[in-house]
Amino acid sequence: MASSLLLAVVVVLDMVAFALAVAAKQRRNTASLNKDSAGRNYCQYDSDIATNLGVGSFFILVASQVIIMVVTRCLCCGKAMRPSGSRSWAICLFITSWVTFFIAASCLLAGSVRNAYHTNYRDLMGERAPSCQTLRKGVFGAGAAFIIFKGITSDLYYVSFSKANNNGPPPYARDTGVRMGNL
């Protein structure tokens, strides 16, 4: 049977990762164009807190995925599951969980790296303004959305896996031989 405590821990980890991703979305870098003492233009960036929030969200997301995969032995290790609808759902949800995990992790890492990148270009002639590039608005938001999808699919995967593993012995384990003795 599925462990309620394990499900609660994984849900809490996913919600913390989601909250950090939303906070990173809200606190992403902004840049302003300034002039130095020589009259050259340069980009002034604010704090890098969104980078740290995105990386923290990534590590918590990884911890959540690792917990589920260790408990279920990553679907491929351990005893074979009994053929049933629960096994089919477990396989489908296992694949979906990994796909959504990779998308969420990619969004969080790409957003953190891009948020940490600051253009250092200074216009030496003072004619052109440098491009003060910042992270697009939706990168951390997409990561947060896929964290929710990953949380739902990995929890459903764990429940389906537990049902497929705990349905008792397979039906072919009975004695099916023909008796040759006296009646």
N, C-alpha and C. Protein backbone atom coordinates (compact mmCIF):
# COMPACT_ATOMS: atom_id res chain seq x y z
N MET A 1 0.83 -1.19 0.00
CA MET A 1 0.00 0.00 0.00
C MET A 1 0.87 1.24 0.00
N ALA A 2 0.38 2.29 -0.62
CA ALA A 2 1.13 3.54 -0.71
C ALA A 2 1.27 4.18 0.68
N SER A 3 2.43 4.68 0.98
CA SER A 3 2.70 5.30 2.27
C SER A 3 2.21 6.75 2.26
N SER A 4 1.32 7.07 3.18
CA SER A 4 0.80 8.44 3.28
C SER A 4 1.89 9.41 3.71
N LEU A 5 2.78 8.97 4.57
CA LEU A 5 3.87 9.83 5.02
C LEU A 5 4.79 10.18 3.86
N LEU A 6 5.13 9.20 3.03
CA LEU A 6 5.99 9.46 1.88
C LEU A 6 5.31 10.42 0.91
N LEU A 7 4.04 10.20 0.65
CA LEU A 7 3.31 11.10 -0.24
C LEU A 7 3.27 12.52 0.33
N ALA A 8 3.09 12.65 1.64
CA ALA A 8 3.06 13.97 2.26
C ALA A 8 4.42 14.67 2.13
N VAL A 9 5.50 13.94 2.35
CA VAL A 9 6.84 14.52 2.24
C VAL A 9 7.10 14.98 0.81
N VAL A 10 6.74 14.17 -0.17
CA VAL A 10 6.97 14.53 -1.57
C VAL A 10 6.11 15.72 -1.97
N VAL A 11 4.86 15.76 -1.50
CA VAL A 11 3.99 16.91 -1.82
C VAL A 11 4.56 18.19 -1.21
N VAL A 12 5.03 18.11 0.03
CA VAL A 12 5.62 19.29 0.67
C VAL A 12 6.86 19.75 -0.09
N LEU A 13 7.72 18.82 -0.48
CA LEU A 13 8.91 19.21 -1.25
C LEU A 13 8.54 19.86 -2.58
N ASP A 14 7.54 19.29 -3.27
CA ASP A 14 7.10 19.87 -4.53
C ASP A 14 6.50 21.26 -4.34
N MET A 15 5.76 21.45 -3.26
CA MET A 15 5.17 22.77 -3.01
C MET A 15 6.24 23.81 -2.66
N VAL A 16 7.27 23.40 -1.93
CA VAL A 16 8.37 24.32 -1.62
C VAL A 16 9.12 24.68 -2.91
N ALA A 17 9.37 23.68 -3.77
CA ALA A 17 10.03 23.96 -5.05
C ALA A 17 9.18 24.89 -5.90
N PHE A 18 7.87 24.69 -5.89
CA PHE A 18 6.95 25.56 -6.63
C PHE A 18 7.01 26.99 -6.08
N ALA A 19 6.96 27.13 -4.76
CA ALA A 19 7.00 28.45 -4.14
C ALA A 19 8.30 29.18 -4.47
N LEU A 20 9.42 28.46 -4.44
CA LEU A 20 10.70 29.09 -4.78
C LEU A 20 10.75 29.50 -6.25
N ALA A 21 10.16 28.69 -7.13
CA ALA A 21 10.14 29.04 -8.55
C ALA A 21 9.27 30.28 -8.79
N VAL A 22 8.15 30.37 -8.10
CA VAL A 22 7.29 31.56 -8.24
C VAL A 22 8.00 32.79 -7.68
N ALA A 23 8.68 32.62 -6.55
CA ALA A 23 9.44 33.74 -5.98
C ALA A 23 10.56 34.18 -6.93
N ALA A 24 11.20 33.22 -7.58
CA ALA A 24 12.24 33.56 -8.56
C ALA A 24 11.65 34.32 -9.73
N LYS A 25 10.46 33.93 -10.15
CA LYS A 25 9.78 34.63 -11.23
C LYS A 25 9.51 36.08 -10.84
N GLN A 26 9.09 36.30 -9.60
CA GLN A 26 8.77 37.64 -9.14
C GLN A 26 10.02 38.50 -8.93
N ARG A 27 11.13 37.87 -8.60
CA ARG A 27 12.34 38.62 -8.25
C ARG A 27 13.43 38.58 -9.32
N ARG A 28 13.07 38.25 -10.55
CA ARG A 28 14.09 38.17 -11.59
C ARG A 28 14.74 39.54 -11.81
N ASN A 29 15.93 39.52 -12.40
CA ASN A 29 16.71 40.73 -12.60
C ASN A 29 15.99 41.76 -13.45
N THR A 30 16.26 43.01 -13.13
CA THR A 30 15.90 44.11 -14.01
C THR A 30 17.17 44.92 -14.22
N ALA A 31 17.22 45.64 -15.32
CA ALA A 31 18.42 46.40 -15.65
C ALA A 31 18.03 47.83 -16.03
N SER A 32 18.92 48.74 -15.74
CA SER A 32 18.70 50.13 -16.14
C SER A 32 19.98 50.63 -16.80
N LEU A 33 19.80 51.55 -17.71
CA LEU A 33 20.92 52.12 -18.46
C LEU A 33 21.43 53.35 -17.71
N ASN A 34 22.71 53.37 -17.38
CA ASN A 34 23.32 54.47 -16.64
C ASN A 34 24.54 54.98 -17.40
N LYS A 35 25.06 56.10 -16.95
CA LYS A 35 26.30 56.66 -17.52
C LYS A 35 27.35 56.69 -16.42
N ASP A 36 28.59 56.36 -16.81
CA ASP A 36 29.67 56.45 -15.84
C ASP A 36 30.25 57.87 -15.85
N SER A 37 31.33 58.09 -15.10
CA SER A 37 31.90 59.43 -14.97
C SER A 37 32.49 59.94 -16.30
N ALA A 38 32.84 59.03 -17.20
CA ALA A 38 33.39 59.43 -18.48
C ALA A 38 32.30 59.63 -19.54
N GLY A 39 31.06 59.45 -19.14
CA GLY A 39 29.95 59.65 -20.07
C GLY A 39 29.60 58.42 -20.90
N ARG A 40 30.17 57.28 -20.58
CA ARG A 40 29.87 56.05 -21.33
C ARG A 40 28.65 55.37 -20.72
N ASN A 41 27.87 54.74 -21.57
CA ASN A 41 26.68 54.02 -21.12
C ASN A 41 27.07 52.64 -20.60
N TYR A 42 26.36 52.20 -19.57
CA TYR A 42 26.54 50.84 -19.06
C TYR A 42 25.22 50.38 -18.44
N CYS A 43 25.11 49.07 -18.25
CA CYS A 43 23.91 48.47 -17.67
C CYS A 43 24.11 48.26 -16.18
N GLN A 44 23.14 48.70 -15.40
CA GLN A 44 23.17 48.49 -13.95
C GLN A 44 22.08 47.47 -13.60
N TYR A 45 22.49 46.31 -13.07
CA TYR A 45 21.55 45.24 -12.71
C TYR A 45 21.27 45.28 -11.22
N ASP A 46 20.07 44.85 -10.86
CA ASP A 46 19.74 44.76 -9.44
C ASP A 46 20.20 43.40 -8.91
N SER A 47 19.69 42.99 -7.76
CA SER A 47 20.20 41.79 -7.08
C SER A 47 19.97 40.51 -7.87
N ASP A 48 20.74 39.48 -7.50
CA ASP A 48 20.67 38.16 -8.14
C ASP A 48 19.91 37.16 -7.28
N ILE A 49 18.95 37.60 -6.51
CA ILE A 49 18.24 36.67 -5.62
C ILE A 49 17.46 35.62 -6.41
N ALA A 50 16.98 35.97 -7.60
CA ALA A 50 16.21 35.01 -8.40
C ALA A 50 17.07 33.82 -8.82
N THR A 51 18.33 34.05 -9.05
CA THR A 51 19.23 32.95 -9.41
C THR A 51 19.31 31.94 -8.27
N ASN A 52 19.48 32.43 -7.06
CA ASN A 52 19.57 31.54 -5.90
C ASN A 52 18.24 30.84 -5.65
N LEU A 53 17.13 31.54 -5.82
CA LEU A 53 15.82 30.91 -5.65
C LEU A 53 15.59 29.82 -6.70
N GLY A 54 15.99 30.08 -7.94
CA GLY A 54 15.85 29.07 -9.00
C GLY A 54 16.69 27.84 -8.75
N VAL A 55 17.91 28.04 -8.30
CA VAL A 55 18.80 26.91 -8.00
C VAL A 55 18.27 26.12 -6.81
N GLY A 56 17.78 26.82 -5.79
CA GLY A 56 17.18 26.13 -4.64
C GLY A 56 15.97 25.31 -5.03
N SER A 57 15.13 25.88 -5.89
CA SER A 57 13.96 25.16 -6.39
C SER A 57 14.38 23.92 -7.17
N PHE A 58 15.43 24.04 -7.97
CA PHE A 58 15.94 22.91 -8.73
C PHE A 58 16.38 21.77 -7.81
N PHE A 59 17.15 22.09 -6.78
CA PHE A 59 17.65 21.04 -5.88
C PHE A 59 16.53 20.37 -5.09
N ILE A 60 15.53 21.12 -4.70
CA ILE A 60 14.39 20.52 -3.99
C ILE A 60 13.58 19.65 -4.95
N LEU A 61 13.45 20.08 -6.19
CA LEU A 61 12.76 19.28 -7.21
C LEU A 61 13.49 17.96 -7.43
N VAL A 62 14.81 18.01 -7.50
CA VAL A 62 15.61 16.79 -7.66
C VAL A 62 15.43 15.87 -6.46
N ALA A 63 15.43 16.43 -5.26
CA ALA A 63 15.25 15.61 -4.06
C ALA A 63 13.90 14.91 -4.08
N SER A 64 12.87 15.60 -4.49
CA SER A 64 11.54 15.00 -4.58
C SER A 64 11.52 13.84 -5.56
N GLN A 65 12.13 14.04 -6.73
CA GLN A 65 12.15 12.99 -7.74
C GLN A 65 12.99 11.80 -7.28
N VAL A 66 14.09 12.06 -6.64
CA VAL A 66 14.97 10.98 -6.17
C VAL A 66 14.25 10.15 -5.11
N ILE A 67 13.52 10.78 -4.21
CA ILE A 67 12.81 10.04 -3.17
C ILE A 67 11.82 9.05 -3.79
N ILE A 68 11.02 9.54 -4.72
CA ILE A 68 10.03 8.66 -5.38
C ILE A 68 10.73 7.52 -6.12
N MET A 69 11.80 7.83 -6.84
CA MET A 69 12.47 6.80 -7.64
C MET A 69 13.21 5.79 -6.76
N VAL A 70 13.75 6.20 -5.63
CA VAL A 70 14.41 5.25 -4.73
C VAL A 70 13.39 4.32 -4.11
N VAL A 71 12.27 4.85 -3.68
CA VAL A 71 11.24 4.03 -3.04
C VAL A 71 10.66 3.02 -4.03
N THR A 72 10.45 3.43 -5.27
CA THR A 72 9.87 2.53 -6.27
C THR A 72 10.94 1.75 -7.04
N ARG A 73 12.18 1.93 -6.67
CA ARG A 73 13.30 1.29 -7.35
C ARG A 73 13.28 1.60 -8.85
N CYS A 74 12.90 2.80 -9.17
CA CYS A 74 12.92 3.34 -10.54
C CYS A 74 12.17 2.44 -11.52
N LEU A 75 11.17 1.75 -11.06
CA LEU A 75 10.27 0.91 -11.85
C LEU A 75 10.94 -0.31 -12.47
N CYS A 76 12.23 -0.25 -12.77
CA CYS A 76 12.85 -1.35 -13.51
C CYS A 76 13.62 -2.33 -12.62
N CYS A 77 13.91 -1.96 -11.40
CA CYS A 77 14.62 -2.85 -10.49
C CYS A 77 13.63 -3.48 -9.52
N GLY A 78 13.93 -4.60 -9.01
CA GLY A 78 13.04 -5.27 -8.07
C GLY A 78 12.16 -6.29 -8.77
N LYS A 79 11.17 -6.77 -8.03
CA LYS A 79 10.31 -7.82 -8.57
C LYS A 79 9.39 -7.26 -9.65
N ALA A 80 8.99 -8.14 -10.53
CA ALA A 80 8.10 -7.74 -11.62
C ALA A 80 6.71 -7.45 -11.07
N MET A 81 6.06 -6.47 -11.67
CA MET A 81 4.70 -6.14 -11.24
C MET A 81 3.70 -7.07 -11.92
N ARG A 82 2.61 -7.28 -11.24
CA ARG A 82 1.54 -8.12 -11.77
C ARG A 82 0.87 -7.41 -12.94
N PRO A 83 0.58 -8.13 -14.03
CA PRO A 83 -0.11 -7.49 -15.15
C PRO A 83 -1.50 -7.01 -14.72
N SER A 84 -1.72 -5.72 -14.86
CA SER A 84 -3.01 -5.15 -14.48
C SER A 84 -3.09 -3.73 -15.03
N GLY A 85 -4.21 -3.10 -14.81
CA GLY A 85 -4.37 -1.71 -15.21
C GLY A 85 -3.46 -0.79 -14.41
N SER A 86 -3.23 -1.15 -13.14
CA SER A 86 -2.34 -0.34 -12.30
C SER A 86 -0.92 -0.35 -12.84
N ARG A 87 -0.47 -1.49 -13.36
CA ARG A 87 0.87 -1.55 -13.94
C ARG A 87 0.95 -0.68 -15.18
N SER A 88 -0.07 -0.71 -16.01
CA SER A 88 -0.08 0.13 -17.21
C SER A 88 -0.04 1.61 -16.84
N TRP A 89 -0.85 1.99 -15.84
CA TRP A 89 -0.84 3.37 -15.39
C TRP A 89 0.52 3.74 -14.79
N ALA A 90 1.12 2.84 -14.03
CA ALA A 90 2.42 3.11 -13.42
C ALA A 90 3.48 3.37 -14.48
N ILE A 91 3.48 2.57 -15.54
CA ILE A 91 4.47 2.76 -16.61
C ILE A 91 4.24 4.09 -17.32
N CYS A 92 3.00 4.38 -17.64
CA CYS A 92 2.66 5.64 -18.33
C CYS A 92 3.01 6.85 -17.45
N LEU A 93 2.66 6.78 -16.17
CA LEU A 93 2.94 7.89 -15.27
C LEU A 93 4.43 8.02 -14.96
N PHE A 94 5.15 6.90 -14.95
CA PHE A 94 6.60 6.93 -14.77
C PHE A 94 7.25 7.76 -15.88
N ILE A 95 6.88 7.48 -17.12
CA ILE A 95 7.44 8.21 -18.27
C ILE A 95 7.05 9.69 -18.21
N THR A 96 5.78 9.95 -17.92
CA THR A 96 5.30 11.33 -17.84
C THR A 96 5.99 12.09 -16.71
N SER A 97 6.20 11.42 -15.60
CA SER A 97 6.88 12.06 -14.48
C SER A 97 8.30 12.49 -14.86
N TRP A 98 9.02 11.62 -15.56
CA TRP A 98 10.37 11.97 -15.96
C TRP A 98 10.39 13.08 -17.01
N VAL A 99 9.46 13.05 -17.94
CA VAL A 99 9.41 14.11 -18.96
C VAL A 99 9.14 15.46 -18.31
N THR A 100 8.14 15.52 -17.43
CA THR A 100 7.83 16.79 -16.76
C THR A 100 8.96 17.22 -15.83
N PHE A 101 9.64 16.26 -15.22
CA PHE A 101 10.79 16.60 -14.39
C PHE A 101 11.89 17.26 -15.22
N PHE A 102 12.22 16.68 -16.37
CA PHE A 102 13.27 17.25 -17.21
C PHE A 102 12.89 18.63 -17.73
N ILE A 103 11.64 18.84 -18.07
CA ILE A 103 11.22 20.16 -18.54
C ILE A 103 11.31 21.18 -17.41
N ALA A 104 10.82 20.83 -16.22
CA ALA A 104 10.88 21.74 -15.08
C ALA A 104 12.32 22.05 -14.70
N ALA A 105 13.16 21.02 -14.65
CA ALA A 105 14.57 21.22 -14.30
C ALA A 105 15.27 22.09 -15.33
N SER A 106 14.97 21.87 -16.60
CA SER A 106 15.58 22.68 -17.66
C SER A 106 15.18 24.13 -17.55
N CYS A 107 13.91 24.37 -17.29
CA CYS A 107 13.44 25.76 -17.13
C CYS A 107 14.12 26.43 -15.94
N LEU A 108 14.20 25.72 -14.83
CA LEU A 108 14.81 26.31 -13.64
C LEU A 108 16.31 26.59 -13.84
N LEU A 109 17.02 25.63 -14.43
CA LEU A 109 18.45 25.84 -14.65
C LEU A 109 18.71 26.92 -15.69
N ALA A 110 17.97 26.87 -16.80
CA ALA A 110 18.16 27.89 -17.84
C ALA A 110 17.81 29.27 -17.31
N GLY A 111 16.74 29.36 -16.54
CA GLY A 111 16.36 30.64 -15.96
C GLY A 111 17.40 31.16 -14.99
N SER A 112 17.96 30.27 -14.18
CA SER A 112 18.98 30.69 -13.21
C SER A 112 20.25 31.15 -13.90
N VAL A 113 20.66 30.41 -14.92
CA VAL A 113 21.88 30.79 -15.65
C VAL A 113 21.68 32.11 -16.38
N ARG A 114 20.54 32.24 -17.06
CA ARG A 114 20.28 33.46 -17.82
C ARG A 114 20.08 34.66 -16.90
N ASN A 115 19.48 34.44 -15.75
CA ASN A 115 19.29 35.53 -14.80
C ASN A 115 20.63 36.00 -14.22
N ALA A 116 21.58 35.09 -14.09
CA ALA A 116 22.88 35.45 -13.55
C ALA A 116 23.78 36.13 -14.58
N TYR A 117 23.41 36.01 -15.85
CA TYR A 117 24.22 36.61 -16.90
C TYR A 117 23.96 38.11 -16.97
N HIS A 118 25.03 38.88 -16.89
CA HIS A 118 24.94 40.34 -16.99
C HIS A 118 25.82 40.79 -18.14
N THR A 119 25.27 41.60 -19.00
CA THR A 119 26.10 42.13 -20.09
C THR A 119 27.06 43.15 -19.50
N ASN A 120 28.31 43.03 -19.84
CA ASN A 120 29.33 43.94 -19.34
C ASN A 120 29.74 44.94 -20.41
N TYR A 121 29.00 44.99 -21.48
CA TYR A 121 29.35 45.84 -22.60
C TYR A 121 29.21 47.30 -22.23
N ARG A 122 30.23 48.07 -22.54
CA ARG A 122 30.19 49.52 -22.39
C ARG A 122 30.45 50.12 -23.76
N ASP A 123 29.65 51.07 -24.13
CA ASP A 123 29.81 51.72 -25.41
C ASP A 123 30.95 52.73 -25.30
N LEU A 124 32.05 52.48 -26.00
CA LEU A 124 33.22 53.33 -25.90
C LEU A 124 33.04 54.67 -26.60
N MET A 125 32.22 54.72 -27.62
CA MET A 125 32.02 55.96 -28.35
C MET A 125 30.87 56.80 -27.79
N GLY A 126 30.03 56.21 -26.99
CA GLY A 126 28.91 56.93 -26.42
C GLY A 126 27.77 57.13 -27.40
N GLU A 127 27.83 56.46 -28.56
CA GLU A 127 26.80 56.65 -29.58
C GLU A 127 25.65 55.65 -29.43
N ARG A 128 25.98 54.40 -29.14
CA ARG A 128 24.96 53.37 -29.02
C ARG A 128 24.81 52.97 -27.56
N ALA A 129 23.58 52.71 -27.18
CA ALA A 129 23.34 52.21 -25.82
C ALA A 129 23.53 50.69 -25.83
N PRO A 130 24.15 50.13 -24.80
CA PRO A 130 24.28 48.67 -24.75
C PRO A 130 22.91 48.03 -24.54
N SER A 131 22.81 46.78 -24.96
CA SER A 131 21.55 46.07 -24.73
C SER A 131 21.59 45.47 -23.33
N CYS A 132 20.72 45.90 -22.50
CA CYS A 132 20.66 45.41 -21.12
C CYS A 132 19.70 44.23 -21.09
N GLN A 133 20.19 43.08 -21.50
CA GLN A 133 19.34 41.90 -21.60
C GLN A 133 19.05 41.32 -20.23
N THR A 134 17.81 40.92 -20.06
CA THR A 134 17.39 40.26 -18.83
C THR A 134 16.59 39.01 -19.21
N LEU A 135 16.29 38.22 -18.21
CA LEU A 135 15.55 36.97 -18.39
C LEU A 135 14.11 37.27 -18.81
N ARG A 136 13.59 36.47 -19.73
CA ARG A 136 12.19 36.61 -20.12
C ARG A 136 11.28 36.27 -18.94
N LYS A 137 10.09 36.82 -18.98
CA LYS A 137 9.17 36.67 -17.85
C LYS A 137 8.73 35.23 -17.59
N GLY A 138 8.54 34.42 -18.61
CA GLY A 138 7.89 33.14 -18.43
C GLY A 138 8.77 31.96 -18.10
N VAL A 139 10.07 32.11 -18.02
CA VAL A 139 10.94 30.94 -17.83
C VAL A 139 10.74 30.30 -16.46
N PHE A 140 10.83 31.09 -15.41
CA PHE A 140 10.59 30.53 -14.07
C PHE A 140 9.13 30.13 -13.89
N GLY A 141 8.22 30.86 -14.54
CA GLY A 141 6.80 30.51 -14.47
C GLY A 141 6.52 29.16 -15.11
N ALA A 142 7.16 28.89 -16.25
CA ALA A 142 7.00 27.58 -16.89
C ALA A 142 7.59 26.49 -16.01
N GLY A 143 8.73 26.77 -15.39
CA GLY A 143 9.31 25.80 -14.46
C GLY A 143 8.38 25.51 -13.30
N ALA A 144 7.73 26.55 -12.76
CA ALA A 144 6.79 26.36 -11.66
C ALA A 144 5.59 25.52 -12.10
N ALA A 145 5.09 25.78 -13.30
CA ALA A 145 3.94 25.00 -13.79
C ALA A 145 4.31 23.53 -13.96
N PHE A 146 5.49 23.26 -14.51
CA PHE A 146 5.90 21.87 -14.70
C PHE A 146 6.26 21.20 -13.38
N ILE A 147 6.61 21.96 -12.37
CA ILE A 147 6.82 21.37 -11.04
C ILE A 147 5.49 20.80 -10.54
N ILE A 148 4.41 21.54 -10.75
CA ILE A 148 3.09 21.05 -10.34
C ILE A 148 2.72 19.79 -11.12
N PHE A 149 2.92 19.81 -12.45
CA PHE A 149 2.63 18.63 -13.27
C PHE A 149 3.46 17.43 -12.83
N LYS A 150 4.74 17.67 -12.55
CA LYS A 150 5.63 16.60 -12.10
C LYS A 150 5.18 16.05 -10.75
N GLY A 151 4.77 16.94 -9.85
CA GLY A 151 4.30 16.50 -8.55
C GLY A 151 3.06 15.61 -8.65
N ILE A 152 2.13 16.01 -9.49
CA ILE A 152 0.91 15.23 -9.67
C ILE A 152 1.24 13.87 -10.29
N THR A 153 2.02 13.87 -11.36
CA THR A 153 2.31 12.60 -12.05
C THR A 153 3.18 11.68 -11.19
N SER A 154 4.13 12.22 -10.45
CA SER A 154 4.97 11.32 -9.64
C SER A 154 4.19 10.75 -8.46
N ASP A 155 3.27 11.52 -7.88
CA ASP A 155 2.45 10.98 -6.80
C ASP A 155 1.50 9.91 -7.33
N LEU A 156 0.87 10.17 -8.45
CA LEU A 156 0.00 9.16 -9.05
C LEU A 156 0.78 7.92 -9.49
N TYR A 157 2.01 8.14 -9.97
CA TYR A 157 2.88 7.01 -10.32
C TYR A 157 3.15 6.14 -9.09
N TYR A 158 3.47 6.77 -7.97
CA TYR A 158 3.76 6.02 -6.76
C TYR A 158 2.54 5.21 -6.30
N VAL A 159 1.37 5.82 -6.35
CA VAL A 159 0.15 5.12 -5.94
C VAL A 159 -0.14 3.95 -6.89
N SER A 160 0.00 4.17 -8.19
CA SER A 160 -0.24 3.09 -9.17
C SER A 160 0.79 1.97 -9.00
N PHE A 161 2.03 2.35 -8.77
CA PHE A 161 3.08 1.36 -8.55
C PHE A 161 2.77 0.52 -7.31
N SER A 162 2.33 1.18 -6.25
CA SER A 162 2.00 0.46 -5.02
C SER A 162 0.84 -0.50 -5.23
N LYS A 163 -0.18 -0.07 -5.97
CA LYS A 163 -1.32 -0.95 -6.25
C LYS A 163 -0.88 -2.14 -7.09
N ALA A 164 -0.03 -1.92 -8.08
CA ALA A 164 0.43 -3.01 -8.95
C ALA A 164 1.30 -4.00 -8.18
N ASN A 165 2.04 -3.54 -7.20
CA ASN A 165 2.92 -4.42 -6.43
C ASN A 165 2.20 -5.13 -5.31
N ASN A 166 1.08 -4.63 -4.84
CA ASN A 166 0.42 -5.19 -3.66
C ASN A 166 -0.90 -5.87 -3.97
N ASN A 167 -1.07 -6.35 -5.17
CA ASN A 167 -2.32 -7.04 -5.51
C ASN A 167 -2.29 -8.52 -5.18
N GLY A 168 -1.30 -8.97 -4.48
CA GLY A 168 -1.22 -10.38 -4.12
C GLY A 168 -0.47 -11.17 -5.17
N PRO A 169 -0.43 -12.49 -4.99
CA PRO A 169 0.33 -13.31 -5.94
C PRO A 169 -0.38 -13.35 -7.30
N PRO A 170 0.37 -13.53 -8.34
CA PRO A 170 -0.24 -13.62 -9.67
C PRO A 170 -1.14 -14.85 -9.77
N PRO A 171 -2.14 -14.83 -10.64
CA PRO A 171 -3.11 -15.93 -10.72
C PRO A 171 -2.49 -17.24 -11.18
N TYR A 172 -1.37 -17.22 -11.82
CA TYR A 172 -0.76 -18.45 -12.31
C TYR A 172 0.10 -19.14 -11.26
N ALA A 173 0.07 -18.69 -10.01
CA ALA A 173 0.87 -19.30 -8.95
C ALA A 173 0.16 -20.49 -8.32
N ARG A 174 -1.06 -20.77 -8.72
CA ARG A 174 -1.80 -21.92 -8.16
C ARG A 174 -1.28 -23.23 -8.75
N ASP A 175 -1.69 -24.33 -8.09
CA ASP A 175 -1.36 -25.66 -8.60
C ASP A 175 -2.29 -25.96 -9.77
N THR A 176 -1.71 -26.05 -10.98
CA THR A 176 -2.55 -26.30 -12.17
C THR A 176 -2.29 -27.66 -12.76
N GLY A 177 -1.57 -28.52 -12.04
CA GLY A 177 -1.24 -29.84 -12.58
C GLY A 177 -2.42 -30.80 -12.56
N VAL A 178 -2.31 -31.86 -13.31
CA VAL A 178 -3.34 -32.90 -13.36
C VAL A 178 -2.97 -33.96 -12.33
N ARG A 179 -3.90 -34.30 -11.48
CA ARG A 179 -3.63 -35.28 -10.43
C ARG A 179 -3.69 -36.68 -11.01
N MET A 180 -2.75 -37.49 -10.62
CA MET A 180 -2.66 -38.87 -11.17
C MET A 180 -2.99 -39.91 -10.11
N GLY A 181 -3.51 -39.50 -8.99
CA GLY A 181 -3.76 -40.44 -7.92
C GLY A 181 -5.17 -41.04 -7.96
N ASN A 182 -5.47 -41.88 -6.90
CA ASN A 182 -6.80 -42.49 -6.78
C ASN A 182 -7.82 -41.46 -6.36
N LEU A 183 -9.05 -41.72 -6.75
CA LEU A 183 -10.16 -40.87 -6.32
C LEU A 183 -10.68 -41.26 -5.02
